[in-house]
């Protein structure tokens, strides 16, 4: 079985041996005077993900690179950029059998909470081990409230803070390195709208995490 881990558009050269996904919740337990405990169910909290990534400084035959060998410093720079730019990104894992058949995929919008660099010549040689901690990110926005006075009574009208993109429907040809998130960000200005492209091209996209150069997608107006 093969695993591929992507942080934004960066493919980790060696997939982590272990992955911990913690599904958090905000449920509250209360004790009633005569009826014992009850559990009040609430919406789920943000999910936490943690794993160790080995970043090699030599080219191993089992490591995978998108554009040729890169040493550990290259990936450490990418991690630092994800942290300092204060932007959410897509965390994608694809799983497939040795014959190439797709098994499953994970695709979540995350933020980089922290990463810890470990260098140990005894255990890792010249390579670098990094403990990476991610947290789920949910998009949010403010709204504008306009208050008008009619017949002495105030009325409020809530407006969205973002105007819709009324660009005409068009097509897009996938190039190497593309993913639906980046295409949506390029064409709509918002990567989270990748579902619009996916829903309009379900006849061509079997898995939203797996698209291929040369595919031509319809890009709906929104």
C-alpha atoms as a PDB file:
ATOM      1  CA  UNK A   1       0.000   0.000   0.000  1.00  0.00           C
ATOM      2  CA  UNK A   2       1.280   3.476  -0.871  1.00  0.00           C
ATOM      3  CA  UNK A   3       0.695   6.690   1.078  1.00  0.00           C
ATOM      4  CA  UNK A   4       1.256  10.243  -0.146  1.00  0.00           C
ATOM      5  CA  UNK A   5       1.193  13.174   2.296  1.00  0.00           C
ATOM      6  CA  UNK A   6       0.754  16.744   1.017  1.00  0.00           C
ATOM      7  CA  UNK A   7       1.100  19.929   3.072  1.00  0.00           C
ATOM      8  CA  UNK A   8      -0.395  22.536   0.741  1.00  0.00           C
ATOM      9  CA  UNK A   9       1.359  21.639  -2.542  1.00  0.00           C
ATOM     10  CA  UNK A  10       4.425  20.128  -0.826  1.00  0.00           C
ATOM     11  CA  UNK A  11       4.750  16.339  -1.042  1.00  0.00           C
ATOM     12  CA  UNK A  12       6.587  14.847   1.939  1.00  0.00           C
ATOM     13  CA  UNK A  13       9.348  12.611   0.529  1.00  0.00           C
ATOM     14  CA  UNK A  14       8.772   9.812   3.079  1.00  0.00           C
ATOM     15  CA  UNK A  15       5.237   9.215   4.399  1.00  0.00           C
ATOM     16  CA  UNK A  16       5.047   9.132   8.212  1.00  0.00           C
ATOM     17  CA  UNK A  17       4.877   5.727   9.870  1.00  0.00           C
ATOM     18  CA  UNK A  18       2.097   6.858  12.193  1.00  0.00           C
ATOM     19  CA  UNK A  19      -0.666   9.456  12.023  1.00  0.00           C
ATOM     20  CA  UNK A  20      -2.786  10.624  14.950  1.00  0.00           C
ATOM     21  CA  UNK A  21      -6.107  12.323  14.195  1.00  0.00           C
ATOM     22  CA  UNK A  22      -7.949  13.553  17.269  1.00  0.00           C
ATOM     23  CA  UNK A  23     -11.642  14.298  16.719  1.00  0.00           C
ATOM     24  CA  UNK A  24     -12.573  16.780  19.430  1.00  0.00           C
ATOM     25  CA  UNK A  25     -16.042  17.648  20.672  1.00  0.00           C
ATOM     26  CA  UNK A  26     -17.657  20.225  22.931  1.00  0.00           C
ATOM     27  CA  UNK A  27     -20.233  17.981  24.606  1.00  0.00           C
ATOM     28  CA  UNK A  28     -21.096  18.961  28.172  1.00  0.00           C
ATOM     29  CA  UNK A  29     -22.004  16.626  31.027  1.00  0.00           C
ATOM     30  CA  UNK A  30     -24.280  17.931  33.781  1.00  0.00           C
ATOM     31  CA  UNK A  31     -25.499  16.326  36.988  1.00  0.00           C
ATOM     32  CA  UNK A  32     -29.197  16.731  37.695  1.00  0.00           C
ATOM     33  CA  UNK A  33     -30.466  16.767  41.245  1.00  0.00           C
ATOM     34  CA  UNK A  34     -32.534  13.574  41.022  1.00  0.00           C
ATOM     35  CA  UNK A  35     -31.843  12.096  37.594  1.00  0.00           C
ATOM     36  CA  UNK A  36     -28.071  11.652  37.610  1.00  0.00           C
ATOM     37  CA  UNK A  37     -25.853  12.730  34.735  1.00  0.00           C
ATOM     38  CA  UNK A  38     -26.955  13.908  31.300  1.00  0.00           C
ATOM     39  CA  UNK A  39     -24.823  14.617  28.243  1.00  0.00           C
ATOM     40  CA  UNK A  40     -25.653  17.708  26.164  1.00  0.00           C
ATOM     41  CA  UNK A  41     -24.461  17.180  22.606  1.00  0.00           C
ATOM     42  CA  UNK A  42     -22.823  20.101  20.823  1.00  0.00           C
ATOM     43  CA  UNK A  43     -21.168  20.707  17.479  1.00  0.00           C
ATOM     44  CA  UNK A  44     -17.720  19.154  17.059  1.00  0.00           C
ATOM     45  CA  UNK A  45     -14.652  21.207  17.929  1.00  0.00           C
ATOM     46  CA  UNK A  46     -11.665  21.555  15.622  1.00  0.00           C
ATOM     47  CA  UNK A  47      -9.752  18.378  14.766  1.00  0.00           C
ATOM     48  CA  UNK A  48      -6.069  18.003  15.738  1.00  0.00           C
ATOM     49  CA  UNK A  49      -3.548  16.047  13.654  1.00  0.00           C
ATOM     50  CA  UNK A  50      -0.027  15.064  14.702  1.00  0.00           C
ATOM     51  CA  UNK A  51       2.700  13.005  13.033  1.00  0.00           C
ATOM     52  CA  UNK A  52       6.474  12.676  12.701  1.00  0.00           C
ATOM     53  CA  UNK A  53       8.002  13.321   9.276  1.00  0.00           C
ATOM     54  CA  UNK A  54      11.499  12.170   8.318  1.00  0.00           C
ATOM     55  CA  UNK A  55      13.225  14.668   6.027  1.00  0.00           C
ATOM     56  CA  UNK A  56      16.236  13.010   4.378  1.00  0.00           C
ATOM     57  CA  UNK A  57      19.468  14.745   3.420  1.00  0.00           C
ATOM     58  CA  UNK A  58      20.389  11.922   1.056  1.00  0.00           C
ATOM     59  CA  UNK A  59      18.385  10.498  -1.830  1.00  0.00           C
ATOM     60  CA  UNK A  60      16.835   7.196  -0.806  1.00  0.00           C
ATOM     61  CA  UNK A  61      15.341   4.907  -3.486  1.00  0.00           C
ATOM     62  CA  UNK A  62      12.052   4.695  -1.549  1.00  0.00           C
ATOM     63  CA  UNK A  63      11.601   8.472  -1.197  1.00  0.00           C
ATOM     64  CA  UNK A  64       9.298  10.377  -3.591  1.00  0.00           C
ATOM     65  CA  UNK A  65       9.856  13.896  -4.948  1.00  0.00           C
ATOM     66  CA  UNK A  66       7.644  15.997  -7.228  1.00  0.00           C
ATOM     67  CA  UNK A  67      10.489  17.758  -9.038  1.00  0.00           C
ATOM     68  CA  UNK A  68      13.669  15.902  -8.213  1.00  0.00           C
ATOM     69  CA  UNK A  69      15.594  15.438  -4.979  1.00  0.00           C
ATOM     70  CA  UNK A  70      15.440  18.188  -2.335  1.00  0.00           C
ATOM     71  CA  UNK A  71      17.275  18.038   0.977  1.00  0.00           C
ATOM     72  CA  UNK A  72      15.777  18.542   4.443  1.00  0.00           C
ATOM     73  CA  UNK A  73      16.456  22.299   4.440  1.00  0.00           C
ATOM     74  CA  UNK A  74      14.064  22.755   1.500  1.00  0.00           C
ATOM     75  CA  UNK A  75      11.181  21.214   3.449  1.00  0.00           C
ATOM     76  CA  UNK A  76      12.065  23.097   6.640  1.00  0.00           C
ATOM     77  CA  UNK A  77      11.813  26.349   4.665  1.00  0.00           C
ATOM     78  CA  UNK A  78       8.368  25.293   3.418  1.00  0.00           C
ATOM     79  CA  UNK A  79       7.233  24.561   6.984  1.00  0.00           C
ATOM     80  CA  UNK A  80       8.504  27.916   8.159  1.00  0.00           C
ATOM     81  CA  UNK A  81       6.611  29.650   5.341  1.00  0.00           C
ATOM     82  CA  UNK A  82       3.370  27.872   6.283  1.00  0.00           C
ATOM     83  CA  UNK A  83       3.829  29.122   9.833  1.00  0.00           C
ATOM     84  CA  UNK A  84       4.925  32.708   9.202  1.00  0.00           C
ATOM     85  CA  UNK A  85       2.485  33.458   6.369  1.00  0.00           C
ATOM     86  CA  UNK A  86      -0.436  32.752   8.732  1.00  0.00           C
ATOM     87  CA  UNK A  87      -2.509  31.120   6.011  1.00  0.00           C
ATOM     88  CA  UNK A  88      -4.594  27.957   6.077  1.00  0.00           C
ATOM     89  CA  UNK A  89      -3.749  25.223   3.587  1.00  0.00           C
ATOM     90  CA  UNK A  90      -4.987  21.839   2.391  1.00  0.00           C
ATOM     91  CA  UNK A  91      -3.659  18.724   4.118  1.00  0.00           C
ATOM     92  CA  UNK A  92      -4.126  15.772   1.770  1.00  0.00           C
ATOM     93  CA  UNK A  93      -3.388  12.086   2.193  1.00  0.00           C
ATOM     94  CA  UNK A  94      -3.966   9.660  -0.664  1.00  0.00           C
ATOM     95  CA  UNK A  95      -3.904   5.919  -0.091  1.00  0.00           C
ATOM     96  CA  UNK A  96      -3.659   3.339  -2.827  1.00  0.00           C
ATOM     97  CA  UNK A  97      -2.903  -0.340  -3.286  1.00  0.00           C
ATOM     98  CA  UNK A  98       0.397  -1.458  -4.778  1.00  0.00           C
ATOM     99  CA  UNK A  99      -1.340  -2.016  -8.130  1.00  0.00           C
ATOM    100  CA  UNK A 100      -2.401   1.653  -8.267  1.00  0.00           C
ATOM    101  CA  UNK A 101      -6.039   1.168  -7.238  1.00  0.00           C
ATOM    102  CA  UNK A 102      -7.184   4.075  -5.068  1.00  0.00           C
ATOM    103  CA  UNK A 103      -8.238   3.122  -1.543  1.00  0.00           C
ATOM    104  CA  UNK A 104      -9.210   6.340   0.242  1.00  0.00           C
ATOM    105  CA  UNK A 105      -8.208   9.961   0.736  1.00  0.00           C
ATOM    106  CA  UNK A 106      -8.145  12.612   3.445  1.00  0.00           C
ATOM    107  CA  UNK A 107      -8.556  16.253   2.482  1.00  0.00           C
ATOM    108  CA  UNK A 108      -8.856  18.865   5.239  1.00  0.00           C
ATOM    109  CA  UNK A 109      -8.166  22.573   5.527  1.00  0.00           C
ATOM    110  CA  UNK A 110      -5.601  23.012   8.307  1.00  0.00           C
ATOM    111  CA  UNK A 111      -3.273  25.464  10.011  1.00  0.00           C
ATOM    112  CA  UNK A 112       0.269  24.662  11.134  1.00  0.00           C
ATOM    113  CA  UNK A 113       0.219  24.990  14.931  1.00  0.00           C
ATOM    114  CA  UNK A 114       3.801  23.961  15.641  1.00  0.00           C
ATOM    115  CA  UNK A 115       6.685  21.852  14.432  1.00  0.00           C
ATOM    116  CA  UNK A 116       9.607  20.474  16.426  1.00  0.00           C
ATOM    117  CA  UNK A 117      12.930  19.715  14.720  1.00  0.00           C
ATOM    118  CA  UNK A 118      14.907  16.742  16.033  1.00  0.00           C
ATOM    119  CA  UNK A 119      18.446  15.922  14.948  1.00  0.00           C
ATOM    120  CA  UNK A 120      19.955  12.699  16.276  1.00  0.00           C
ATOM    121  CA  UNK A 121      23.024  11.351  14.508  1.00  0.00           C
ATOM    122  CA  UNK A 122      22.698   8.026  16.330  1.00  0.00           C
ATOM    123  CA  UNK A 123      19.142   7.283  15.204  1.00  0.00           C
ATOM    124  CA  UNK A 124      18.634   9.335  12.035  1.00  0.00           C
ATOM    125  CA  UNK A 125      22.145   9.812  10.652  1.00  0.00           C
ATOM    126  CA  UNK A 126      22.271  13.048   8.672  1.00  0.00           C
ATOM    127  CA  UNK A 127      18.477  13.162   8.296  1.00  0.00           C
ATOM    128  CA  UNK A 128      16.063  15.383  10.239  1.00  0.00           C
ATOM    129  CA  UNK A 129      12.932  14.257  12.094  1.00  0.00           C
ATOM    130  CA  UNK A 130      10.147  16.829  12.499  1.00  0.00           C
ATOM    131  CA  UNK A 131       7.098  16.498  14.733  1.00  0.00           C
ATOM    132  CA  UNK A 132       4.263  18.373  13.013  1.00  0.00           C
ATOM    133  CA  UNK A 133       1.040  19.481  14.717  1.00  0.00           C
ATOM    134  CA  UNK A 134      -1.922  20.700  12.654  1.00  0.00           C
ATOM    135  CA  UNK A 135      -5.332  22.056  13.607  1.00  0.00           C
ATOM    136  CA  UNK A 136      -8.464  22.095  11.473  1.00  0.00           C
ATOM    137  CA  UNK A 137      -9.349  25.495  10.022  1.00  0.00           C
ATOM    138  CA  UNK A 138     -12.876  26.733   9.364  1.00  0.00           C
ATOM    139  CA  UNK A 139     -13.504  29.746   7.151  1.00  0.00           C
ATOM    140  CA  UNK A 140     -15.308  32.652   8.733  1.00  0.00           C
ATOM    141  CA  UNK A 141     -16.168  36.223   7.788  1.00  0.00           C
ATOM    142  CA  UNK A 142     -17.743  39.319   9.258  1.00  0.00           C
ATOM    143  CA  UNK A 143     -21.071  40.712   8.070  1.00  0.00           C
ATOM    144  CA  UNK A 144     -22.206  44.310   7.670  1.00  0.00           C
ATOM    145  CA  UNK A 145     -25.449  45.375   9.307  1.00  0.00           C
ATOM    146  CA  UNK A 146     -27.176  48.458   7.859  1.00  0.00           C
ATOM    147  CA  UNK A 147     -29.770  50.093  10.121  1.00  0.00           C
ATOM    148  CA  UNK A 148     -32.459  52.303   8.621  1.00  0.00           C
ATOM    149  CA  UNK A 149     -35.284  54.164  10.346  1.00  0.00           C
ATOM    150  CA  UNK A 150     -38.786  53.922   8.931  1.00  0.00           C
ATOM    151  CA  UNK A 151     -41.854  55.191  10.822  1.00  0.00           C
ATOM    152  CA  UNK A 152     -39.676  55.728  13.846  1.00  0.00           C
ATOM    153  CA  UNK A 153     -38.723  52.032  14.070  1.00  0.00           C
ATOM    154  CA  UNK A 154     -35.190  50.895  13.199  1.00  0.00           C
ATOM    155  CA  UNK A 155     -34.803  48.067  10.690  1.00  0.00           C
ATOM    156  CA  UNK A 156     -31.639  46.073  10.199  1.00  0.00           C
ATOM    157  CA  UNK A 157     -30.487  44.449   6.978  1.00  0.00           C
ATOM    158  CA  UNK A 158     -27.535  42.070   7.059  1.00  0.00           C
ATOM    159  CA  UNK A 159     -25.251  42.001   4.055  1.00  0.00           C
ATOM    160  CA  UNK A 160     -22.549  39.459   3.266  1.00  0.00           C
ATOM    161  CA  UNK A 161     -19.032  40.811   3.537  1.00  0.00           C
ATOM    162  CA  UNK A 162     -18.051  39.185   0.276  1.00  0.00           C
ATOM    163  CA  UNK A 163     -19.545  39.847  -3.128  1.00  0.00           C
ATOM    164  CA  UNK A 164     -20.156  36.955  -5.478  1.00  0.00           C
ATOM    165  CA  UNK A 165     -17.898  36.415  -8.454  1.00  0.00           C
ATOM    166  CA  UNK A 166     -20.121  36.714 -11.533  1.00  0.00           C
ATOM    167  CA  UNK A 167     -17.478  35.614 -14.007  1.00  0.00           C
ATOM    168  CA  UNK A 168     -18.911  33.732 -17.006  1.00  0.00           C
ATOM    169  CA  UNK A 169     -18.705  29.939 -17.224  1.00  0.00           C
ATOM    170  CA  UNK A 170     -15.480  28.758 -18.850  1.00  0.00           C
ATOM    171  CA  UNK A 171     -13.157  25.768 -19.039  1.00  0.00           C
ATOM    172  CA  UNK A 172      -9.797  25.017 -17.464  1.00  0.00           C
ATOM    173  CA  UNK A 173      -7.150  22.503 -18.534  1.00  0.00           C
ATOM    174  CA  UNK A 174      -5.299  20.812 -15.665  1.00  0.00           C
ATOM    175  CA  UNK A 175      -1.508  21.162 -15.643  1.00  0.00           C
ATOM    176  CA  UNK A 176       1.122  19.271 -13.643  1.00  0.00           C
ATOM    177  CA  UNK A 177       1.033  20.152  -9.954  1.00  0.00           C
ATOM    178  CA  UNK A 178      -2.605  21.318  -9.973  1.00  0.00           C
ATOM    179  CA  UNK A 179      -5.178  20.356  -7.356  1.00  0.00           C
ATOM    180  CA  UNK A 180      -8.826  21.437  -7.128  1.00  0.00           C
ATOM    181  CA  UNK A 181      -8.049  23.737  -4.184  1.00  0.00           C
ATOM    182  CA  UNK A 182      -5.409  25.682  -6.126  1.00  0.00           C
ATOM    183  CA  UNK A 183      -7.578  25.865  -9.257  1.00  0.00           C
ATOM    184  CA  UNK A 184     -10.471  27.312  -7.244  1.00  0.00           C
ATOM    185  CA  UNK A 185      -8.133  29.788  -5.548  1.00  0.00           C
ATOM    186  CA  UNK A 186      -6.771  30.862  -8.938  1.00  0.00           C
ATOM    187  CA  UNK A 187     -10.142  31.222 -10.669  1.00  0.00           C
ATOM    188  CA  UNK A 188     -12.483  32.215  -7.831  1.00  0.00           C
ATOM    189  CA  UNK A 189     -10.043  33.777  -5.384  1.00  0.00           C
ATOM    190  CA  UNK A 190     -11.124  31.243  -2.741  1.00  0.00           C
ATOM    191  CA  UNK A 191      -9.758  27.700  -2.600  1.00  0.00           C
ATOM    192  CA  UNK A 192     -12.687  26.550  -0.457  1.00  0.00           C
ATOM    193  CA  UNK A 193     -14.886  26.812  -3.577  1.00  0.00           C
ATOM    194  CA  UNK A 194     -13.213  23.749  -5.057  1.00  0.00           C
ATOM    195  CA  UNK A 195     -16.482  21.873  -4.392  1.00  0.00           C
ATOM    196  CA  UNK A 196     -18.162  24.031  -7.074  1.00  0.00           C
ATOM    197  CA  UNK A 197     -15.697  22.717  -9.655  1.00  0.00           C
ATOM    198  CA  UNK A 198     -15.979  19.157  -8.348  1.00  0.00           C
ATOM    199  CA  UNK A 199     -19.795  19.150  -8.439  1.00  0.00           C
ATOM    200  CA  UNK A 200     -19.787  20.465 -12.013  1.00  0.00           C
ATOM    201  CA  UNK A 201     -17.349  17.794 -13.221  1.00  0.00           C
ATOM    202  CA  UNK A 202     -18.327  14.621 -11.376  1.00  0.00           C
ATOM    203  CA  UNK A 203     -18.385  12.781 -14.686  1.00  0.00           C
ATOM    204  CA  UNK A 204     -14.638  13.436 -15.007  1.00  0.00           C
ATOM    205  CA  UNK A 205     -13.510  13.498 -11.353  1.00  0.00           C
ATOM    206  CA  UNK A 206     -13.872  10.204  -9.521  1.00  0.00           C
ATOM    207  CA  UNK A 207     -11.851  11.398  -6.515  1.00  0.00           C
ATOM    208  CA  UNK A 208     -11.551  15.156  -5.788  1.00  0.00           C
ATOM    209  CA  UNK A 209      -8.012  14.592  -4.489  1.00  0.00           C
ATOM    210  CA  UNK A 210      -6.850  12.954  -7.716  1.00  0.00           C
ATOM    211  CA  UNK A 211      -6.883  14.976 -10.928  1.00  0.00           C
ATOM    212  CA  UNK A 212      -4.557  14.606 -13.877  1.00  0.00           C
ATOM    213  CA  UNK A 213      -2.790  16.896 -16.374  1.00  0.00           C
ATOM    214  CA  UNK A 214      -4.764  17.320 -19.580  1.00  0.00           C
ATOM    215  CA  UNK A 215      -8.214  17.001 -18.014  1.00  0.00           C
ATOM    216  CA  UNK A 216     -10.567  19.802 -19.103  1.00  0.00           C
ATOM    217  CA  UNK A 217     -13.000  20.998 -16.430  1.00  0.00           C
ATOM    218  CA  UNK A 218     -16.066  23.200 -16.737  1.00  0.00           C
ATOM    219  CA  UNK A 219     -15.725  26.213 -14.438  1.00  0.00           C
ATOM    220  CA  UNK A 220     -19.233  27.441 -13.509  1.00  0.00           C
ATOM    221  CA  UNK A 221     -20.040  31.098 -12.955  1.00  0.00           C
ATOM    222  CA  UNK A 222     -20.882  31.803  -9.308  1.00  0.00           C
END
